């Protein structure tokens, strides 16, 4: 029974981790344990344990007499996270360029098409989910599990605010431009160019997101 619970708890944590990463929850939102348990089809125990784990990782905040809250970032905090992302993700992207398989490139090209379609449809959820997989494929190709783990930890902190990228339709229209550059550079196996495109991708989104930080 303990092993089954541990597995269920891990799955619950992984799901909530992914939901935070792709911006399913908004900054300042209070997460209700019973509601999440109902959505996930589990009891409150694995949800409570998963939320405590995420709070310990800094992805959530436990406020006495209020519950678990998705934190809001101020401009200084966001800028610090953005600079960290540029360092980690730029390095992972350059390494991944030389190790990416043909099948992986084909999958990234399809995800790029999905993101273009999501922008045209104004579908933030579809865009962010495809965007996560697109970047994960590239970074995983780096061959560094530690680097990927660090990147995913940082993503937890910016996922909620990333959901607001579509609040300005004019800004959203250019969200995918850097991904086209990533794919073109990947075809040439130009690691430096892939790195620059990834950095530009984060910088473009980051300027808008920083402007809406508290």
C-alpha atoms as a PDB file:
ATOM      1  CA  UNK A   1       0.000   0.000   0.000  1.00  0.00           C
ATOM      2  CA  UNK A   2       2.835   2.404   0.855  1.00  0.00           C
ATOM      3  CA  UNK A   3       4.496   1.788  -2.529  1.00  0.00           C
ATOM      4  CA  UNK A   4       1.206   2.375  -4.356  1.00  0.00           C
ATOM      5  CA  UNK A   5       0.679   5.639  -2.461  1.00  0.00           C
ATOM      6  CA  UNK A   6       4.230   6.746  -3.211  1.00  0.00           C
ATOM      7  CA  UNK A   7       3.674   6.100  -6.909  1.00  0.00           C
ATOM      8  CA  UNK A   8       0.352   7.962  -6.848  1.00  0.00           C
ATOM      9  CA  UNK A   9       1.972  10.809  -4.950  1.00  0.00           C
ATOM     10  CA  UNK A  10       4.789  11.008  -7.505  1.00  0.00           C
ATOM     11  CA  UNK A  11       2.322  11.037 -10.406  1.00  0.00           C
ATOM     12  CA  UNK A  12       0.273  13.751  -8.713  1.00  0.00           C
ATOM     13  CA  UNK A  13       3.401  15.812  -8.142  1.00  0.00           C
ATOM     14  CA  UNK A  14       4.519  15.386 -11.762  1.00  0.00           C
ATOM     15  CA  UNK A  15       1.106  16.468 -13.068  1.00  0.00           C
ATOM     16  CA  UNK A  16       0.934  19.561 -10.861  1.00  0.00           C
ATOM     17  CA  UNK A  17       4.557  20.341 -11.738  1.00  0.00           C
ATOM     18  CA  UNK A  18       3.676  20.247 -15.435  1.00  0.00           C
ATOM     19  CA  UNK A  19       0.540  22.338 -14.916  1.00  0.00           C
ATOM     20  CA  UNK A  20       2.597  25.025 -13.189  1.00  0.00           C
ATOM     21  CA  UNK A  21       5.243  24.926 -15.921  1.00  0.00           C
ATOM     22  CA  UNK A  22       2.762  25.501 -18.752  1.00  0.00           C
ATOM     23  CA  UNK A  23       0.904  28.246 -16.915  1.00  0.00           C
ATOM     24  CA  UNK A  24      -2.317  26.491 -16.021  1.00  0.00           C
ATOM     25  CA  UNK A  25      -2.357  28.463 -12.754  1.00  0.00           C
ATOM     26  CA  UNK A  26      -2.037  32.234 -12.580  1.00  0.00           C
ATOM     27  CA  UNK A  27       0.149  34.317 -10.230  1.00  0.00           C
ATOM     28  CA  UNK A  28      -1.729  34.997  -6.998  1.00  0.00           C
ATOM     29  CA  UNK A  29      -4.159  32.098  -7.531  1.00  0.00           C
ATOM     30  CA  UNK A  30      -5.083  30.026  -4.483  1.00  0.00           C
ATOM     31  CA  UNK A  31      -4.907  26.287  -5.122  1.00  0.00           C
ATOM     32  CA  UNK A  32      -7.746  24.353  -3.505  1.00  0.00           C
ATOM     33  CA  UNK A  33      -6.764  20.844  -2.476  1.00  0.00           C
ATOM     34  CA  UNK A  34     -10.198  19.246  -2.801  1.00  0.00           C
ATOM     35  CA  UNK A  35     -10.816  20.813  -6.196  1.00  0.00           C
ATOM     36  CA  UNK A  36      -7.448  19.599  -7.504  1.00  0.00           C
ATOM     37  CA  UNK A  37      -8.060  16.127  -6.074  1.00  0.00           C
ATOM     38  CA  UNK A  38     -11.368  15.982  -7.924  1.00  0.00           C
ATOM     39  CA  UNK A  39      -9.755  17.100 -11.200  1.00  0.00           C
ATOM     40  CA  UNK A  40      -6.975  14.531 -10.832  1.00  0.00           C
ATOM     41  CA  UNK A  41      -9.269  11.741  -9.658  1.00  0.00           C
ATOM     42  CA  UNK A  42      -7.292  11.109  -6.470  1.00  0.00           C
ATOM     43  CA  UNK A  43      -7.744  11.616  -2.736  1.00  0.00           C
ATOM     44  CA  UNK A  44      -6.620  14.796  -0.983  1.00  0.00           C
ATOM     45  CA  UNK A  45      -3.565  13.093   0.564  1.00  0.00           C
ATOM     46  CA  UNK A  46      -1.322  12.871  -2.552  1.00  0.00           C
ATOM     47  CA  UNK A  47      -2.415  16.376  -3.608  1.00  0.00           C
ATOM     48  CA  UNK A  48      -1.528  17.833  -0.210  1.00  0.00           C
ATOM     49  CA  UNK A  49       1.854  16.064  -0.269  1.00  0.00           C
ATOM     50  CA  UNK A  50       2.572  17.255  -3.823  1.00  0.00           C
ATOM     51  CA  UNK A  51       1.697  20.865  -2.968  1.00  0.00           C
ATOM     52  CA  UNK A  52       3.956  20.744   0.087  1.00  0.00           C
ATOM     53  CA  UNK A  53       6.793  19.445  -2.091  1.00  0.00           C
ATOM     54  CA  UNK A  54       6.257  22.209  -4.649  1.00  0.00           C
ATOM     55  CA  UNK A  55       6.167  24.799  -1.873  1.00  0.00           C
ATOM     56  CA  UNK A  56       9.477  23.474  -0.551  1.00  0.00           C
ATOM     57  CA  UNK A  57      10.922  23.952  -4.057  1.00  0.00           C
ATOM     58  CA  UNK A  58       9.765  27.574  -4.121  1.00  0.00           C
ATOM     59  CA  UNK A  59       7.152  27.033  -6.836  1.00  0.00           C
ATOM     60  CA  UNK A  60       4.287  27.743  -4.416  1.00  0.00           C
ATOM     61  CA  UNK A  61       3.856  29.667  -1.167  1.00  0.00           C
ATOM     62  CA  UNK A  62       2.163  28.347   1.958  1.00  0.00           C
ATOM     63  CA  UNK A  63       0.321  31.182   3.702  1.00  0.00           C
ATOM     64  CA  UNK A  64      -1.116  30.487   7.186  1.00  0.00           C
ATOM     65  CA  UNK A  65      -4.924  30.659   7.376  1.00  0.00           C
ATOM     66  CA  UNK A  66      -5.076  31.124   3.618  1.00  0.00           C
ATOM     67  CA  UNK A  67      -3.612  28.051   1.948  1.00  0.00           C
ATOM     68  CA  UNK A  68      -1.265  27.407  -0.943  1.00  0.00           C
ATOM     69  CA  UNK A  69      -0.791  30.338  -3.324  1.00  0.00           C
ATOM     70  CA  UNK A  70       0.932  30.692  -6.686  1.00  0.00           C
ATOM     71  CA  UNK A  71       3.514  33.429  -6.000  1.00  0.00           C
ATOM     72  CA  UNK A  72       3.726  36.711  -7.874  1.00  0.00           C
ATOM     73  CA  UNK A  73       7.112  37.837  -9.147  1.00  0.00           C
ATOM     74  CA  UNK A  74       8.430  41.346  -8.828  1.00  0.00           C
ATOM     75  CA  UNK A  75      10.578  42.824 -11.597  1.00  0.00           C
ATOM     76  CA  UNK A  76      13.888  42.116  -9.838  1.00  0.00           C
ATOM     77  CA  UNK A  77      12.952  38.468  -9.225  1.00  0.00           C
ATOM     78  CA  UNK A  78      11.837  38.010 -12.820  1.00  0.00           C
ATOM     79  CA  UNK A  79      14.995  39.609 -14.191  1.00  0.00           C
ATOM     80  CA  UNK A  80      17.132  37.291 -12.050  1.00  0.00           C
ATOM     81  CA  UNK A  81      15.222  34.253 -13.331  1.00  0.00           C
ATOM     82  CA  UNK A  82      15.453  35.448 -16.939  1.00  0.00           C
ATOM     83  CA  UNK A  83      19.226  35.857 -16.774  1.00  0.00           C
ATOM     84  CA  UNK A  84      19.535  32.382 -15.248  1.00  0.00           C
ATOM     85  CA  UNK A  85      17.359  30.921 -17.992  1.00  0.00           C
ATOM     86  CA  UNK A  86      19.437  32.564 -20.718  1.00  0.00           C
ATOM     87  CA  UNK A  87      22.607  31.031 -19.281  1.00  0.00           C
ATOM     88  CA  UNK A  88      21.202  27.538 -18.747  1.00  0.00           C
ATOM     89  CA  UNK A  89      18.985  27.224 -21.807  1.00  0.00           C
ATOM     90  CA  UNK A  90      21.423  28.845 -24.193  1.00  0.00           C
ATOM     91  CA  UNK A  91      24.106  26.370 -23.159  1.00  0.00           C
ATOM     92  CA  UNK A  92      21.748  23.378 -23.357  1.00  0.00           C
ATOM     93  CA  UNK A  93      20.505  24.465 -26.788  1.00  0.00           C
ATOM     94  CA  UNK A  94      24.025  24.736 -28.196  1.00  0.00           C
ATOM     95  CA  UNK A  95      24.986  21.308 -26.855  1.00  0.00           C
ATOM     96  CA  UNK A  96      21.743  19.795 -28.097  1.00  0.00           C
ATOM     97  CA  UNK A  97      22.302  21.068 -31.636  1.00  0.00           C
ATOM     98  CA  UNK A  98      25.129  18.620 -32.282  1.00  0.00           C
ATOM     99  CA  UNK A  99      23.373  15.603 -30.759  1.00  0.00           C
ATOM    100  CA  UNK A 100      19.807  16.084 -31.981  1.00  0.00           C
ATOM    101  CA  UNK A 101      18.583  13.103 -34.009  1.00  0.00           C
ATOM    102  CA  UNK A 102      16.778  13.364 -37.333  1.00  0.00           C
ATOM    103  CA  UNK A 103      13.627  12.049 -35.644  1.00  0.00           C
ATOM    104  CA  UNK A 104      13.960  14.675 -32.934  1.00  0.00           C
ATOM    105  CA  UNK A 105      14.310  17.447 -35.504  1.00  0.00           C
ATOM    106  CA  UNK A 106      11.247  16.179 -37.316  1.00  0.00           C
ATOM    107  CA  UNK A 107       9.268  16.228 -34.063  1.00  0.00           C
ATOM    108  CA  UNK A 108      10.450  19.763 -33.304  1.00  0.00           C
ATOM    109  CA  UNK A 109       9.387  20.893 -36.777  1.00  0.00           C
ATOM    110  CA  UNK A 110       5.894  19.487 -36.169  1.00  0.00           C
ATOM    111  CA  UNK A 111       5.714  21.217 -32.773  1.00  0.00           C
ATOM    112  CA  UNK A 112       6.753  24.454 -34.463  1.00  0.00           C
ATOM    113  CA  UNK A 113       3.843  24.089 -36.871  1.00  0.00           C
ATOM    114  CA  UNK A 114       1.516  23.450 -33.926  1.00  0.00           C
ATOM    115  CA  UNK A 115       2.716  26.630 -32.215  1.00  0.00           C
ATOM    116  CA  UNK A 116       2.128  28.670 -35.368  1.00  0.00           C
ATOM    117  CA  UNK A 117      -1.425  27.298 -35.536  1.00  0.00           C
ATOM    118  CA  UNK A 118      -1.984  27.970 -31.821  1.00  0.00           C
ATOM    119  CA  UNK A 119      -0.939  31.610 -32.224  1.00  0.00           C
ATOM    120  CA  UNK A 120      -3.287  32.024 -35.178  1.00  0.00           C
ATOM    121  CA  UNK A 121      -6.107  30.578 -33.077  1.00  0.00           C
ATOM    122  CA  UNK A 122      -5.179  32.575 -29.957  1.00  0.00           C
ATOM    123  CA  UNK A 123      -4.885  29.284 -28.056  1.00  0.00           C
ATOM    124  CA  UNK A 124      -2.463  30.004 -25.187  1.00  0.00           C
ATOM    125  CA  UNK A 125      -2.810  26.535 -23.661  1.00  0.00           C
ATOM    126  CA  UNK A 126      -1.920  24.714 -26.888  1.00  0.00           C
ATOM    127  CA  UNK A 127       0.976  27.079 -27.557  1.00  0.00           C
ATOM    128  CA  UNK A 128       2.533  26.736 -24.100  1.00  0.00           C
ATOM    129  CA  UNK A 129       2.207  22.950 -24.075  1.00  0.00           C
ATOM    130  CA  UNK A 130       3.853  22.593 -27.504  1.00  0.00           C
ATOM    131  CA  UNK A 131       6.473  25.167 -26.522  1.00  0.00           C
ATOM    132  CA  UNK A 132       7.451  23.158 -23.442  1.00  0.00           C
ATOM    133  CA  UNK A 133       7.934  19.960 -25.452  1.00  0.00           C
ATOM    134  CA  UNK A 134       9.830  21.828 -28.205  1.00  0.00           C
ATOM    135  CA  UNK A 135      12.378  23.231 -25.754  1.00  0.00           C
ATOM    136  CA  UNK A 136      12.577  20.025 -23.717  1.00  0.00           C
ATOM    137  CA  UNK A 137      13.463  17.970 -26.806  1.00  0.00           C
ATOM    138  CA  UNK A 138      16.290  20.350 -27.672  1.00  0.00           C
ATOM    139  CA  UNK A 139      17.672  20.556 -24.153  1.00  0.00           C
ATOM    140  CA  UNK A 140      17.394  16.823 -23.505  1.00  0.00           C
ATOM    141  CA  UNK A 141      19.537  16.240 -26.588  1.00  0.00           C
ATOM    142  CA  UNK A 142      22.376  18.001 -24.717  1.00  0.00           C
ATOM    143  CA  UNK A 143      22.937  14.728 -22.870  1.00  0.00           C
ATOM    144  CA  UNK A 144      23.068  16.494 -19.491  1.00  0.00           C
ATOM    145  CA  UNK A 145      20.350  15.341 -17.037  1.00  0.00           C
ATOM    146  CA  UNK A 146      21.612  17.833 -14.455  1.00  0.00           C
ATOM    147  CA  UNK A 147      21.267  20.744 -16.873  1.00  0.00           C
ATOM    148  CA  UNK A 148      17.721  19.683 -17.771  1.00  0.00           C
ATOM    149  CA  UNK A 149      16.808  19.323 -14.089  1.00  0.00           C
ATOM    150  CA  UNK A 150      18.029  22.856 -13.352  1.00  0.00           C
ATOM    151  CA  UNK A 151      16.110  24.258 -16.310  1.00  0.00           C
ATOM    152  CA  UNK A 152      12.873  22.539 -15.263  1.00  0.00           C
ATOM    153  CA  UNK A 153      13.282  23.924 -11.737  1.00  0.00           C
ATOM    154  CA  UNK A 154      13.543  27.465 -13.122  1.00  0.00           C
ATOM    155  CA  UNK A 155      10.546  26.889 -15.408  1.00  0.00           C
ATOM    156  CA  UNK A 156       8.394  26.252 -12.344  1.00  0.00           C
ATOM    157  CA  UNK A 157       8.898  29.845 -11.278  1.00  0.00           C
ATOM    158  CA  UNK A 158       7.914  31.458 -14.593  1.00  0.00           C
ATOM    159  CA  UNK A 159       5.216  29.071 -15.837  1.00  0.00           C
ATOM    160  CA  UNK A 160       2.292  30.891 -14.180  1.00  0.00           C
ATOM    161  CA  UNK A 161       3.213  34.324 -15.541  1.00  0.00           C
ATOM    162  CA  UNK A 162       3.902  32.859 -18.999  1.00  0.00           C
ATOM    163  CA  UNK A 163       0.178  32.259 -19.359  1.00  0.00           C
ATOM    164  CA  UNK A 164      -0.205  36.030 -19.732  1.00  0.00           C
ATOM    165  CA  UNK A 165       1.814  36.174 -22.950  1.00  0.00           C
ATOM    166  CA  UNK A 166      -1.413  36.129 -24.964  1.00  0.00           C
ATOM    167  CA  UNK A 167      -3.029  39.097 -23.212  1.00  0.00           C
ATOM    168  CA  UNK A 168      -1.664  41.396 -25.923  1.00  0.00           C
ATOM    169  CA  UNK A 169      -2.550  39.861 -29.345  1.00  0.00           C
ATOM    170  CA  UNK A 170      -0.062  42.118 -31.168  1.00  0.00           C
ATOM    171  CA  UNK A 171       2.771  40.852 -29.010  1.00  0.00           C
ATOM    172  CA  UNK A 172       1.644  37.223 -29.299  1.00  0.00           C
ATOM    173  CA  UNK A 173       1.812  37.313 -33.099  1.00  0.00           C
ATOM    174  CA  UNK A 174       5.630  37.409 -32.984  1.00  0.00           C
ATOM    175  CA  UNK A 175       6.085  34.826 -30.214  1.00  0.00           C
ATOM    176  CA  UNK A 176       7.153  32.073 -32.582  1.00  0.00           C
ATOM    177  CA  UNK A 177       9.572  34.017 -34.790  1.00  0.00           C
ATOM    178  CA  UNK A 178      12.667  32.812 -32.924  1.00  0.00           C
ATOM    179  CA  UNK A 179      11.560  29.189 -33.239  1.00  0.00           C
ATOM    180  CA  UNK A 180      11.759  29.470 -37.017  1.00  0.00           C
ATOM    181  CA  UNK A 181      15.344  30.657 -36.558  1.00  0.00           C
ATOM    182  CA  UNK A 182      16.029  27.714 -34.220  1.00  0.00           C
ATOM    183  CA  UNK A 183      14.859  25.228 -36.826  1.00  0.00           C
ATOM    184  CA  UNK A 184      16.872  26.845 -39.632  1.00  0.00           C
ATOM    185  CA  UNK A 185      20.040  26.814 -37.498  1.00  0.00           C
ATOM    186  CA  UNK A 186      19.407  23.225 -36.417  1.00  0.00           C
ATOM    187  CA  UNK A 187      19.284  22.153 -40.044  1.00  0.00           C
ATOM    188  CA  UNK A 188      22.764  23.657 -40.469  1.00  0.00           C
ATOM    189  CA  UNK A 189      23.960  22.172 -37.157  1.00  0.00           C
ATOM    190  CA  UNK A 190      25.011  25.686 -36.188  1.00  0.00           C
ATOM    191  CA  UNK A 191      25.130  25.532 -32.400  1.00  0.00           C
ATOM    192  CA  UNK A 192      26.018  29.196 -31.918  1.00  0.00           C
ATOM    193  CA  UNK A 193      23.078  30.298 -34.058  1.00  0.00           C
ATOM    194  CA  UNK A 194      20.686  27.974 -32.201  1.00  0.00           C
ATOM    195  CA  UNK A 195      21.907  29.424 -28.923  1.00  0.00           C
ATOM    196  CA  UNK A 196      21.348  32.990 -30.143  1.00  0.00           C
ATOM    197  CA  UNK A 197      17.847  32.137 -31.363  1.00  0.00           C
ATOM    198  CA  UNK A 198      16.916  30.554 -28.030  1.00  0.00           C
ATOM    199  CA  UNK A 199      18.296  33.555 -26.158  1.00  0.00           C
ATOM    200  CA  UNK A 200      16.317  35.888 -28.442  1.00  0.00           C
ATOM    201  CA  UNK A 201      13.185  33.820 -27.827  1.00  0.00           C
ATOM    202  CA  UNK A 202      13.529  34.257 -24.065  1.00  0.00           C
ATOM    203  CA  UNK A 203      14.509  37.921 -24.313  1.00  0.00           C
ATOM    204  CA  UNK A 204      11.488  38.818 -26.457  1.00  0.00           C
ATOM    205  CA  UNK A 205       8.982  37.104 -24.163  1.00  0.00           C
ATOM    206  CA  UNK A 206      10.861  38.326 -21.105  1.00  0.00           C
ATOM    207  CA  UNK A 207      10.523  42.024 -21.963  1.00  0.00           C
ATOM    208  CA  UNK A 208       6.742  41.762 -22.021  1.00  0.00           C
ATOM    209  CA  UNK A 209       6.466  39.551 -18.948  1.00  0.00           C
ATOM    210  CA  UNK A 210       8.777  41.782 -16.933  1.00  0.00           C
ATOM    211  CA  UNK A 211       6.546  44.757 -17.730  1.00  0.00           C
ATOM    212  CA  UNK A 212       3.552  43.078 -16.055  1.00  0.00           C
ATOM    213  CA  UNK A 213       5.411  41.950 -12.933  1.00  0.00           C
ATOM    214  CA  UNK A 214       4.363  43.544  -9.658  1.00  0.00           C
END
